[in-house]
């Protein structure tokens, strides 16, 4: 699978740039730090998604037809 399949091309997108970064010169400690940062970002996105879903469900309930 090509990176273009995973990450659509948007100029300057930090996620695309991070995915294309060469990992070979990185030390084990740098790779571990990278994994920790990515896991923190995943948690942040999941929290945001949950808030968005809760908000959407509340709006749908409010505007639901009787």
C-alpha atoms as a PDB file:
ATOM      1  CA  UNK A   1       0.000   0.000   0.000  1.00  0.00           C
ATOM      2  CA  UNK A   2       1.361   3.383  -1.009  1.00  0.00           C
ATOM      3  CA  UNK A   3       1.437   6.402   1.323  1.00  0.00           C
ATOM      4  CA  UNK A   4      -0.778   8.263  -1.149  1.00  0.00           C
ATOM      5  CA  UNK A   5      -3.482   5.658  -0.487  1.00  0.00           C
ATOM      6  CA  UNK A   6      -3.304   6.276   3.264  1.00  0.00           C
ATOM      7  CA  UNK A   7      -2.778  10.025   3.236  1.00  0.00           C
ATOM      8  CA  UNK A   8      -4.323  12.132   0.491  1.00  0.00           C
ATOM      9  CA  UNK A   9      -1.929  14.716  -0.882  1.00  0.00           C
ATOM     10  CA  UNK A  10      -2.390  18.099   0.790  1.00  0.00           C
ATOM     11  CA  UNK A  11       0.554  20.454   0.564  1.00  0.00           C
ATOM     12  CA  UNK A  12       2.071  21.182   3.951  1.00  0.00           C
ATOM     13  CA  UNK A  13      -0.046  18.639   5.840  1.00  0.00           C
ATOM     14  CA  UNK A  14       2.033  17.719   8.918  1.00  0.00           C
ATOM     15  CA  UNK A  15       0.592  14.198   9.045  1.00  0.00           C
ATOM     16  CA  UNK A  16       1.669  13.520   5.470  1.00  0.00           C
ATOM     17  CA  UNK A  17       5.115  14.942   6.165  1.00  0.00           C
ATOM     18  CA  UNK A  18       5.493  12.820   9.306  1.00  0.00           C
ATOM     19  CA  UNK A  19       4.441   9.666   7.446  1.00  0.00           C
ATOM     20  CA  UNK A  20       7.058  10.299   4.771  1.00  0.00           C
ATOM     21  CA  UNK A  21       9.897  10.979   7.212  1.00  0.00           C
ATOM     22  CA  UNK A  22      12.816   8.562   6.985  1.00  0.00           C
ATOM     23  CA  UNK A  23      12.980   6.499  10.190  1.00  0.00           C
ATOM     24  CA  UNK A  24      16.396   4.952   9.514  1.00  0.00           C
ATOM     25  CA  UNK A  25      18.523   7.654  11.170  1.00  0.00           C
ATOM     26  CA  UNK A  26      16.375   7.708  14.327  1.00  0.00           C
ATOM     27  CA  UNK A  27      17.528   6.092  17.548  1.00  0.00           C
ATOM     28  CA  UNK A  28      15.395   3.668  19.557  1.00  0.00           C
ATOM     29  CA  UNK A  29      14.698   6.460  22.075  1.00  0.00           C
ATOM     30  CA  UNK A  30      13.601   8.810  19.299  1.00  0.00           C
ATOM     31  CA  UNK A  31      11.339   6.134  17.844  1.00  0.00           C
ATOM     32  CA  UNK A  32       9.825   5.457  21.277  1.00  0.00           C
ATOM     33  CA  UNK A  33       9.198   9.180  21.737  1.00  0.00           C
ATOM     34  CA  UNK A  34       7.598   9.299  18.302  1.00  0.00           C
ATOM     35  CA  UNK A  35       5.298   6.397  19.187  1.00  0.00           C
ATOM     36  CA  UNK A  36       4.327   8.088  22.465  1.00  0.00           C
ATOM     37  CA  UNK A  37       3.524  11.331  20.633  1.00  0.00           C
ATOM     38  CA  UNK A  38       1.444   9.479  18.035  1.00  0.00           C
ATOM     39  CA  UNK A  39      -0.471   7.581  20.747  1.00  0.00           C
ATOM     40  CA  UNK A  40      -1.189  10.883  22.525  1.00  0.00           C
ATOM     41  CA  UNK A  41      -2.470  12.347  19.254  1.00  0.00           C
ATOM     42  CA  UNK A  42      -4.674   9.295  18.654  1.00  0.00           C
ATOM     43  CA  UNK A  43      -6.150   9.690  22.160  1.00  0.00           C
ATOM     44  CA  UNK A  44      -6.789  13.398  21.520  1.00  0.00           C
ATOM     45  CA  UNK A  45      -8.560  12.647  18.225  1.00  0.00           C
ATOM     46  CA  UNK A  46     -10.651   9.858  19.789  1.00  0.00           C
ATOM     47  CA  UNK A  47     -11.729  12.219  22.592  1.00  0.00           C
ATOM     48  CA  UNK A  48     -12.699  14.844  20.046  1.00  0.00           C
ATOM     49  CA  UNK A  49     -14.638  12.282  18.016  1.00  0.00           C
ATOM     50  CA  UNK A  50     -16.544  11.184  21.128  1.00  0.00           C
ATOM     51  CA  UNK A  51     -17.469  14.800  21.962  1.00  0.00           C
ATOM     52  CA  UNK A  52     -18.589  15.353  18.369  1.00  0.00           C
ATOM     53  CA  UNK A  53     -20.712  12.191  18.433  1.00  0.00           C
ATOM     54  CA  UNK A  54     -22.298  13.192  21.742  1.00  0.00           C
ATOM     55  CA  UNK A  55     -23.072  16.655  20.360  1.00  0.00           C
ATOM     56  CA  UNK A  56     -24.539  15.182  17.174  1.00  0.00           C
ATOM     57  CA  UNK A  57     -26.694  12.721  19.102  1.00  0.00           C
ATOM     58  CA  UNK A  58     -28.020  15.526  21.306  1.00  0.00           C
ATOM     59  CA  UNK A  59     -28.853  17.618  18.231  1.00  0.00           C
ATOM     60  CA  UNK A  60     -30.575  14.699  16.525  1.00  0.00           C
ATOM     61  CA  UNK A  61     -32.616  14.052  19.665  1.00  0.00           C
ATOM     62  CA  UNK A  62     -33.607  17.718  19.887  1.00  0.00           C
ATOM     63  CA  UNK A  63     -34.749  17.927  16.268  1.00  0.00           C
ATOM     64  CA  UNK A  64     -36.257  14.444  16.014  1.00  0.00           C
ATOM     65  CA  UNK A  65     -39.774  14.317  14.593  1.00  0.00           C
ATOM     66  CA  UNK A  66     -42.433  13.139  17.057  1.00  0.00           C
END
